[in-house]
């Protein structure tokens, strides 16, 4: 059973296919589509309908109330059993296997295109241009293999990230076209080798830059890492003991709120209790330093999570920080290629604290919202997966308490 994608009509929205984590959509409540699709494909819903109408026939023929309750219970037991132990066809098993292998191969291809050595001539006489063409051919081939296998796969914890990768590709369609790569109607890629050979390889290098965390290559690499780690229902237990490692997200939320508050920027009072024009810069810097530390701790602990709620909110935080990189740098806070922060004490303390306050009123409040959600998904929802969990409970990521603008 194939699924077609009309890029011309749908633009960059692949969420109806794999339920990707589009940063512009903000809707985490739609992540169960593939689970339901898989249930249709493997026959669960068909069995439900047959059982349901079978119940209806028995009811109309004089079945007692207790018999109806028992029959209903049996139907639910069967459905939950099917959810927990689905019968997967050989075709789906192959697609799942191909997807897992394809993700690894595609990750290697992306790494080659993000490596600076690819863009320099080799001592063995191979030109940089030839190396780039070879790397792009491998990328397109492996990309297409992943997309094709994902369409028939039931590994929703992986396919959601494939969908997001496809959305990133669609968002960069114009830049890809400049280097000879176009998107087919079914979401796969096509390479015009002649056009690529005529292209300045610096365009390819910029597109896959490892120094820019928002480059196309960085976004794809990030999604592949998450998809490769995702194996179904898993939390953030990094110790193997059942105890969840502190993520720093809760502390980051507190620091963000503090940096956005008026209280932190109250002017210092003199010995007579009169307010001066001076800020308590030492206190403000200590809060900013804590913010940077907990920001990095959160990413170190949460980046390997396969929970889609964690991944989505980390993505929002990363993008908001990248958009505000210049403003942060003016206060002595820099972001490296891996998305980690550093703070220069002298630069920060020499900054205009009124501008620091104004900046964090917006940026800090926004980061606090997403940090709160990261903490939520890593703690109370650490075991939630797309669709039904192994225990038969349904994913609450669409709960109205946790939806809205982020």
Protein backbone atom coordinates (compact mmCIF):
# COMPACT_ATOMS: atom_id res chain seq x y z
CA UNK A 1 0.00 0.00 0.00
CA UNK A 2 1.75 3.13 -1.16
CA UNK A 3 1.30 6.73 -0.13
CA UNK A 4 1.95 9.49 -2.63
CA UNK A 5 3.16 12.98 -1.83
CA UNK A 6 2.26 15.85 -4.09
CA UNK A 7 4.94 18.40 -3.27
CA UNK A 8 3.37 20.92 -5.58
CA UNK A 9 0.09 20.90 -3.71
CA UNK A 10 1.15 20.38 -0.15
CA UNK A 11 4.28 22.51 0.02
CA UNK A 12 6.39 21.46 2.98
CA UNK A 13 3.61 19.80 4.99
CA UNK A 14 4.38 16.11 5.29
CA UNK A 15 2.71 15.81 8.70
CA UNK A 16 -0.27 13.95 7.30
CA UNK A 17 2.12 11.26 6.12
CA UNK A 18 4.42 10.63 9.05
CA UNK A 19 3.30 13.17 11.66
CA UNK A 20 6.55 15.15 11.69
CA UNK A 21 7.43 17.72 14.33
CA UNK A 22 7.02 20.90 12.32
CA UNK A 23 8.26 23.87 14.32
CA UNK A 24 5.78 26.12 12.58
CA UNK A 25 2.80 23.89 13.31
CA UNK A 26 3.21 23.68 17.05
CA UNK A 27 0.69 20.82 17.16
CA UNK A 28 1.96 17.87 19.16
CA UNK A 29 -1.50 16.38 19.27
CA UNK A 30 -1.33 14.89 15.77
CA UNK A 31 1.46 12.42 16.39
CA UNK A 32 -0.75 9.32 16.45
CA UNK A 33 -1.64 9.13 12.75
CA UNK A 34 0.91 6.51 11.80
CA UNK A 35 -0.06 4.34 14.73
CA UNK A 36 -3.65 4.40 13.50
CA UNK A 37 -2.49 3.90 9.91
CA UNK A 38 -0.48 0.89 11.01
CA UNK A 39 -3.55 -0.47 12.81
CA UNK A 40 -5.56 -0.20 9.63
CA UNK A 41 -2.74 -1.78 7.63
CA UNK A 42 -2.20 -4.73 9.97
CA UNK A 43 -5.92 -5.41 10.36
CA UNK A 44 -6.65 -4.16 13.88
CA UNK A 45 -9.44 -1.85 12.83
CA UNK A 46 -10.95 -4.49 10.57
CA UNK A 47 -11.05 -6.88 13.51
CA UNK A 48 -12.61 -4.17 15.67
CA UNK A 49 -15.39 -3.56 13.16
CA UNK A 50 -16.11 -7.26 12.75
CA UNK A 51 -16.15 -7.78 16.50
CA UNK A 52 -18.36 -4.75 16.97
CA UNK A 53 -20.97 -5.83 14.43
CA UNK A 54 -20.74 -9.35 15.79
CA UNK A 55 -21.69 -7.91 19.16
CA UNK A 56 -24.58 -6.06 17.57
CA UNK A 57 -25.95 -9.28 16.06
CA UNK A 58 -25.74 -11.10 19.36
CA UNK A 59 -27.46 -8.23 21.16
CA UNK A 60 -30.34 -8.22 18.70
CA UNK A 61 -30.76 -11.96 19.16
CA UNK A 62 -31.45 -11.69 22.88
CA UNK A 63 -28.04 -11.60 24.58
CA UNK A 64 -28.15 -10.66 28.27
CA UNK A 65 -26.60 -7.53 29.74
CA UNK A 66 -23.82 -9.51 31.43
CA UNK A 67 -23.06 -11.30 28.16
CA UNK A 68 -22.80 -7.95 26.38
CA UNK A 69 -20.36 -6.63 28.99
CA UNK A 70 -18.30 -9.77 28.69
CA UNK A 71 -18.33 -9.56 24.89
CA UNK A 72 -17.32 -5.90 25.00
CA UNK A 73 -14.49 -6.72 27.38
CA UNK A 74 -13.27 -9.44 25.04
CA UNK A 75 -13.25 -7.04 22.11
CA UNK A 76 -11.21 -4.47 24.06
CA UNK A 77 -8.83 -7.16 25.23
CA UNK A 78 -8.31 -8.28 21.65
CA UNK A 79 -7.68 -4.73 20.44
CA UNK A 80 -5.21 -3.98 23.23
CA UNK A 81 -3.47 -7.30 22.60
CA UNK A 82 -3.17 -6.39 18.92
CA UNK A 83 -1.77 -2.99 19.85
CA UNK A 84 0.81 -4.50 22.21
CA UNK A 85 1.71 -7.42 19.95
CA UNK A 86 0.85 -6.43 16.37
CA UNK A 87 1.04 -9.02 13.62
CA UNK A 88 3.44 -7.50 11.13
CA UNK A 89 3.60 -8.73 7.55
CA UNK A 90 6.87 -9.75 5.93
CA UNK A 91 6.69 -6.64 3.76
CA UNK A 92 6.42 -4.39 6.81
CA UNK A 93 9.19 -6.29 8.59
CA UNK A 94 11.42 -5.68 5.58
CA UNK A 95 10.48 -1.98 5.51
CA UNK A 96 11.31 -1.65 9.21
CA UNK A 97 14.66 -3.38 8.71
CA UNK A 98 15.45 -1.29 5.62
CA UNK A 99 14.54 1.91 7.44
CA UNK A 100 16.87 1.20 10.36
CA UNK A 101 19.73 0.33 8.01
CA UNK A 102 18.94 3.25 5.72
CA UNK A 103 19.05 5.79 8.54
CA UNK A 104 22.58 4.70 9.40
CA UNK A 105 23.74 4.94 5.77
CA UNK A 106 22.11 8.33 5.29
CA UNK A 107 23.71 9.63 8.46
CA UNK A 108 27.13 8.65 7.08
CA UNK A 109 26.35 10.41 3.79
CA UNK A 110 25.35 13.60 5.60
CA UNK A 111 28.48 13.45 7.75
CA UNK A 112 30.61 13.33 4.59
CA UNK A 113 28.88 16.43 3.20
CA UNK A 114 29.37 18.25 6.55
CA UNK A 115 33.09 17.39 6.63
CA UNK A 116 35.42 20.20 5.48
CA UNK A 117 37.79 17.63 3.96
CA UNK A 118 35.16 16.85 1.32
CA UNK A 119 35.63 20.34 -0.09
CA UNK A 120 39.40 20.20 -0.54
CA UNK A 121 41.51 18.46 -3.18
CA UNK A 122 43.04 15.16 -2.05
CA UNK A 123 46.71 14.30 -2.22
CA UNK A 124 45.80 11.26 -4.33
CA UNK A 125 44.70 13.61 -7.12
CA UNK A 126 40.94 13.49 -6.53
CA UNK A 127 39.50 16.97 -6.92
CA UNK A 128 37.15 18.57 -4.42
CA UNK A 129 34.51 18.83 -7.15
CA UNK A 130 34.62 15.08 -7.81
CA UNK A 131 34.43 14.36 -4.08
CA UNK A 132 31.37 16.60 -3.70
CA UNK A 133 29.59 14.98 -6.64
CA UNK A 134 30.29 11.52 -5.24
CA UNK A 135 29.08 12.56 -1.78
CA UNK A 136 25.88 14.11 -3.17
CA UNK A 137 25.10 11.00 -5.22
CA UNK A 138 25.44 8.88 -2.07
CA UNK A 139 23.27 11.33 -0.13
CA UNK A 140 20.44 11.31 -2.68
CA UNK A 141 20.49 7.52 -3.00
CA UNK A 142 20.39 6.95 0.75
CA UNK A 143 17.82 9.70 1.29
CA UNK A 144 15.49 8.07 -1.22
CA UNK A 145 15.94 4.66 0.39
CA UNK A 146 14.94 6.09 3.78
CA UNK A 147 11.88 7.89 2.41
CA UNK A 148 10.70 4.83 0.49
CA UNK A 149 11.09 2.43 3.41
CA UNK A 150 9.54 4.89 5.87
CA UNK A 151 6.29 4.94 3.91
CA UNK A 152 5.74 1.23 4.57
CA UNK A 153 7.28 1.16 8.05
CA UNK A 154 5.37 0.87 11.32
CA UNK A 155 8.28 2.30 13.37
CA UNK A 156 6.45 5.53 14.17
CA UNK A 157 9.14 6.66 16.60
CA UNK A 158 11.48 6.79 13.61
CA UNK A 159 9.14 7.84 10.81
CA UNK A 160 8.07 11.00 12.65
CA UNK A 161 11.66 12.22 12.37
CA UNK A 162 11.84 11.18 8.72
CA UNK A 163 8.77 13.36 8.15
CA UNK A 164 10.50 16.28 9.82
CA UNK A 165 13.60 15.69 7.68
CA UNK A 166 11.38 15.80 4.58
CA UNK A 167 9.85 19.07 5.77
CA UNK A 168 13.34 20.54 6.17
CA UNK A 169 14.16 19.39 2.65
CA UNK A 170 11.01 21.03 1.27
CA UNK A 171 11.85 24.24 3.13
CA UNK A 172 15.25 24.28 1.39
CA UNK A 173 13.92 23.31 -2.05
CA UNK A 174 15.18 26.48 -3.73
CA UNK A 175 18.71 26.15 -2.35
CA UNK A 176 18.82 22.47 -3.27
CA UNK A 177 17.64 23.31 -6.78
CA UNK A 178 20.59 25.68 -7.18
CA UNK A 179 22.99 22.75 -6.73
CA UNK A 180 21.04 20.40 -9.01
CA UNK A 181 18.80 18.59 -6.52
CA UNK A 182 15.03 18.62 -7.02
CA UNK A 183 12.18 17.06 -5.04
CA UNK A 184 9.94 14.53 -6.76
CA UNK A 185 6.19 14.33 -6.20
CA UNK A 186 6.63 11.32 -3.92
CA UNK A 187 9.10 13.13 -1.65
CA UNK A 188 12.25 11.50 -3.01
CA UNK A 189 15.15 13.48 -4.51
CA UNK A 190 16.56 13.64 -8.04
CA UNK A 191 20.12 14.77 -8.78
CA UNK A 192 21.15 16.59 -11.94
CA UNK A 193 24.83 15.64 -11.93
CA UNK A 194 25.71 18.02 -14.78
CA UNK A 195 24.27 21.03 -12.95
CA UNK A 196 26.02 20.03 -9.73
CA UNK A 197 29.38 19.87 -11.51
CA UNK A 198 28.86 23.42 -12.77
CA UNK A 199 27.94 24.69 -9.29
CA UNK A 200 30.38 26.47 -6.98
CA UNK A 201 31.02 23.83 -4.32
CA UNK A 202 30.94 26.54 -1.64
CA UNK A 203 27.14 26.57 -2.11
CA UNK A 204 27.00 22.89 -1.22
CA UNK A 205 29.30 23.43 1.74
CA UNK A 206 27.14 26.29 3.06
CA UNK A 207 23.99 24.22 2.67
CA UNK A 208 25.47 21.37 4.73
CA UNK A 209 27.55 23.55 7.07
CA UNK A 210 28.37 21.97 10.43
CA UNK A 211 29.12 25.42 11.88
CA UNK A 212 25.54 26.62 11.40
CA UNK A 213 23.09 24.71 13.61
CA UNK A 214 20.22 25.86 11.40
CA UNK A 215 21.80 24.81 8.09
CA UNK A 216 19.98 22.18 6.05
CA UNK A 217 22.69 19.62 6.75
CA UNK A 218 22.57 20.31 10.50
CA UNK A 219 18.79 19.94 10.59
CA UNK A 220 18.88 16.67 8.68
CA UNK A 221 21.74 15.36 10.81
CA UNK A 222 19.81 16.20 13.98
CA UNK A 223 16.68 14.40 12.80
CA UNK A 224 18.70 11.35 11.76
CA UNK A 225 20.36 11.14 15.15
CA UNK A 226 16.97 11.21 16.87
CA UNK A 227 15.48 8.71 14.44
CA UNK A 228 18.45 6.39 14.81
CA UNK A 229 18.14 6.42 18.59
CA UNK A 230 14.37 5.98 18.57
CA UNK A 231 13.33 2.38 19.09
CA UNK A 232 9.80 2.78 20.40
CA UNK A 233 8.77 3.50 23.96
CA UNK A 234 11.70 4.85 25.91
CA UNK A 235 12.28 7.48 28.52
CA UNK A 236 15.30 9.44 29.52
CA UNK A 237 16.68 6.88 31.97
CA UNK A 238 20.37 7.16 31.13
CA UNK A 239 21.56 5.07 34.06
CA UNK A 240 19.71 1.80 33.54
CA UNK A 241 18.52 1.92 37.14
CA UNK A 242 15.06 3.30 36.53
CA UNK A 243 16.06 6.70 37.91
CA UNK A 244 15.75 9.55 35.48
CA UNK A 245 18.78 11.78 35.07
CA UNK A 246 18.13 15.43 35.98
CA UNK A 247 17.78 17.31 32.73
CA UNK A 248 18.43 20.88 33.84
CA UNK A 249 15.19 21.86 32.11
CA UNK A 250 13.39 22.73 35.35
CA UNK A 251 16.32 24.87 36.52
CA UNK A 252 16.56 26.50 33.08
CA UNK A 253 12.90 27.44 33.33
CA UNK A 254 13.54 29.08 36.72
CA UNK A 255 16.60 30.95 35.43
CA UNK A 256 14.74 32.12 32.33
CA UNK A 257 11.87 33.43 34.41
CA UNK A 258 14.27 35.17 36.78
CA UNK A 259 16.10 36.89 33.90
CA UNK A 260 12.72 38.05 32.57
CA UNK A 261 11.52 39.35 35.96
CA UNK A 262 11.54 42.90 37.27
CA UNK A 263 12.76 41.78 40.67
CA UNK A 264 16.24 40.82 39.43
CA UNK A 265 16.80 44.30 38.02
CA UNK A 266 15.76 46.32 41.05
CA UNK A 267 18.23 49.12 41.69
CA UNK A 268 20.65 48.85 44.59
CA UNK A 269 19.82 50.91 47.68
CA UNK A 270 22.36 52.96 49.59
CA UNK A 271 23.01 52.70 53.34
CA UNK A 272 20.11 55.03 54.03
CA UNK A 273 17.70 52.86 52.10
CA UNK A 274 17.45 55.17 49.11
CA UNK A 275 17.41 53.67 45.63
CA UNK A 276 20.49 54.37 43.48
CA UNK A 277 20.98 54.17 39.73
CA UNK A 278 23.09 51.02 40.08
CA UNK A 279 22.06 47.46 39.30
CA UNK A 280 23.17 44.46 41.32
CA UNK A 281 25.31 43.30 38.40
CA UNK A 282 26.91 40.51 40.40
CA UNK A 283 23.50 39.00 41.10
CA UNK A 284 22.33 39.40 37.50
CA UNK A 285 25.50 37.80 36.15
CA UNK A 286 25.18 34.86 38.56
CA UNK A 287 21.66 34.25 37.22
CA UNK A 288 22.84 34.52 33.61
CA UNK A 289 25.73 32.14 34.31
CA UNK A 290 23.31 29.65 35.85
CA UNK A 291 21.05 30.05 32.80
CA UNK A 292 23.94 29.14 30.47
CA UNK A 293 24.97 26.18 32.63
CA UNK A 294 21.45 24.73 32.83
CA UNK A 295 20.84 25.39 29.13
CA UNK A 296 23.84 23.18 28.30
CA UNK A 297 22.89 20.57 30.90
CA UNK A 298 19.42 20.29 29.43
CA UNK A 299 20.73 19.64 25.91
CA UNK A 300 23.38 17.20 27.17
CA UNK A 301 20.74 15.17 29.00
CA UNK A 302 17.81 15.47 26.61
CA UNK A 303 19.32 15.48 23.13
CA UNK A 304 19.34 11.68 22.90
CA UNK A 305 15.69 11.36 23.92
CA UNK A 306 13.32 9.70 21.48
CA UNK A 307 10.27 11.31 23.08
CA UNK A 308 8.72 13.49 20.40
CA UNK A 309 7.60 16.13 22.91
CA UNK A 310 11.18 16.54 24.15
CA UNK A 311 12.59 16.68 20.63
CA UNK A 312 10.04 19.23 19.43
CA UNK A 313 10.65 21.64 22.29
CA UNK A 314 14.43 21.30 22.09
CA UNK A 315 14.09 22.21 18.42
CA UNK A 316 12.03 25.31 19.27
CA UNK A 317 14.62 26.39 21.88
CA UNK A 318 17.53 25.82 19.49
CA UNK A 319 15.86 27.85 16.74
CA UNK A 320 14.91 30.72 19.07
CA UNK A 321 18.48 30.88 20.33
CA UNK A 322 19.88 30.86 16.80
CA UNK A 323 17.57 33.71 15.78
CA UNK A 324 18.81 35.74 18.76
CA UNK A 325 22.50 34.81 18.44
CA UNK A 326 23.61 38.39 17.69
CA UNK A 327 21.74 39.85 20.65
CA UNK A 328 23.14 37.20 22.98
CA UNK A 329 26.65 37.80 21.66
CA UNK A 330 26.33 41.49 22.50
CA UNK A 331 25.89 40.42 26.14
CA UNK A 332 28.87 38.06 26.00
CA UNK A 333 26.82 34.89 25.48
CA UNK A 334 27.95 32.88 22.46
CA UNK A 335 26.67 29.64 20.93
CA UNK A 336 29.07 27.09 19.42
CA UNK A 337 28.51 24.74 16.47
CA UNK A 338 26.96 22.11 18.72
CA UNK A 339 24.44 24.56 20.11
CA UNK A 340 26.09 24.94 23.52
CA UNK A 341 26.46 28.32 25.24
CA UNK A 342 29.40 30.13 26.78
CA UNK A 343 29.33 33.39 28.72
CA UNK A 344 32.11 35.96 28.98
CA UNK A 345 31.94 37.60 32.39
CA UNK A 346 33.64 40.90 31.46
CA UNK A 347 31.47 41.47 28.40
CA UNK A 348 28.28 40.65 30.27
CA UNK A 349 29.05 42.90 33.24
CA UNK A 350 29.86 45.81 30.93
CA UNK A 351 26.50 45.44 29.15
CA UNK A 352 23.58 47.82 29.63
CA UNK A 353 21.44 45.89 32.12
CA UNK A 354 18.28 47.65 30.95
CA UNK A 355 18.89 46.13 27.51
CA UNK A 356 19.59 42.74 29.09
CA UNK A 357 16.28 42.96 30.91
CA UNK A 358 14.37 44.03 27.80
CA UNK A 359 15.89 41.18 25.80
CA UNK A 360 15.13 38.46 28.36
CA UNK A 361 11.58 39.77 28.83
CA UNK A 362 10.88 38.27 25.42
CA UNK A 363 13.55 35.61 24.86
CA UNK A 364 13.71 34.40 28.47
CA UNK A 365 9.94 34.06 28.83
CA UNK A 366 9.75 32.14 25.57
CA UNK A 367 12.58 29.77 26.54
CA UNK A 368 10.93 29.19 29.93
CA UNK A 369 7.79 27.93 28.20
CA UNK A 370 9.64 25.34 26.14
CA UNK A 371 11.95 24.36 29.02
CA UNK A 372 8.85 23.68 31.10
CA UNK A 373 7.52 21.37 28.39
CA UNK A 374 10.88 19.60 28.07
CA UNK A 375 10.80 18.96 31.80
CA UNK A 376 7.20 17.74 31.56
CA UNK A 377 7.86 15.26 28.77
CA UNK A 378 11.09 14.01 30.34
CA UNK A 379 9.46 13.34 33.70
CA UNK A 380 5.71 12.77 33.76
CA UNK A 381 5.63 11.61 30.13
CA UNK A 382 9.00 9.92 29.80
CA UNK A 383 7.40 6.60 28.89
CA UNK A 384 4.89 7.98 26.40
CA UNK A 385 5.28 6.97 22.77
CA UNK A 386 3.43 7.73 19.58
CA UNK A 387 0.07 5.93 19.70
CA UNK A 388 -0.42 3.24 22.32
CA UNK A 389 2.34 2.31 24.73
CA UNK A 390 3.39 -1.25 25.50
CA UNK A 391 1.08 -1.11 28.48
CA UNK A 392 -1.94 -0.33 26.34
CA UNK A 393 -2.30 3.28 27.49
CA UNK A 394 -2.77 6.06 24.96
CA UNK A 395 -0.30 8.88 24.37
CA UNK A 396 -1.39 12.11 26.08
CA UNK A 397 0.76 14.46 24.01
CA UNK A 398 -2.39 15.88 22.51
CA UNK A 399 -3.85 16.69 25.92
CA UNK A 400 -5.31 20.19 25.81
CA UNK A 401 -3.38 21.13 28.92
CA UNK A 402 -0.15 20.99 26.99
CA UNK A 403 -1.09 22.37 23.60
CA UNK A 404 -0.99 25.93 22.42
CA UNK A 405 1.50 28.41 21.09
CA UNK A 406 5.10 27.65 21.88
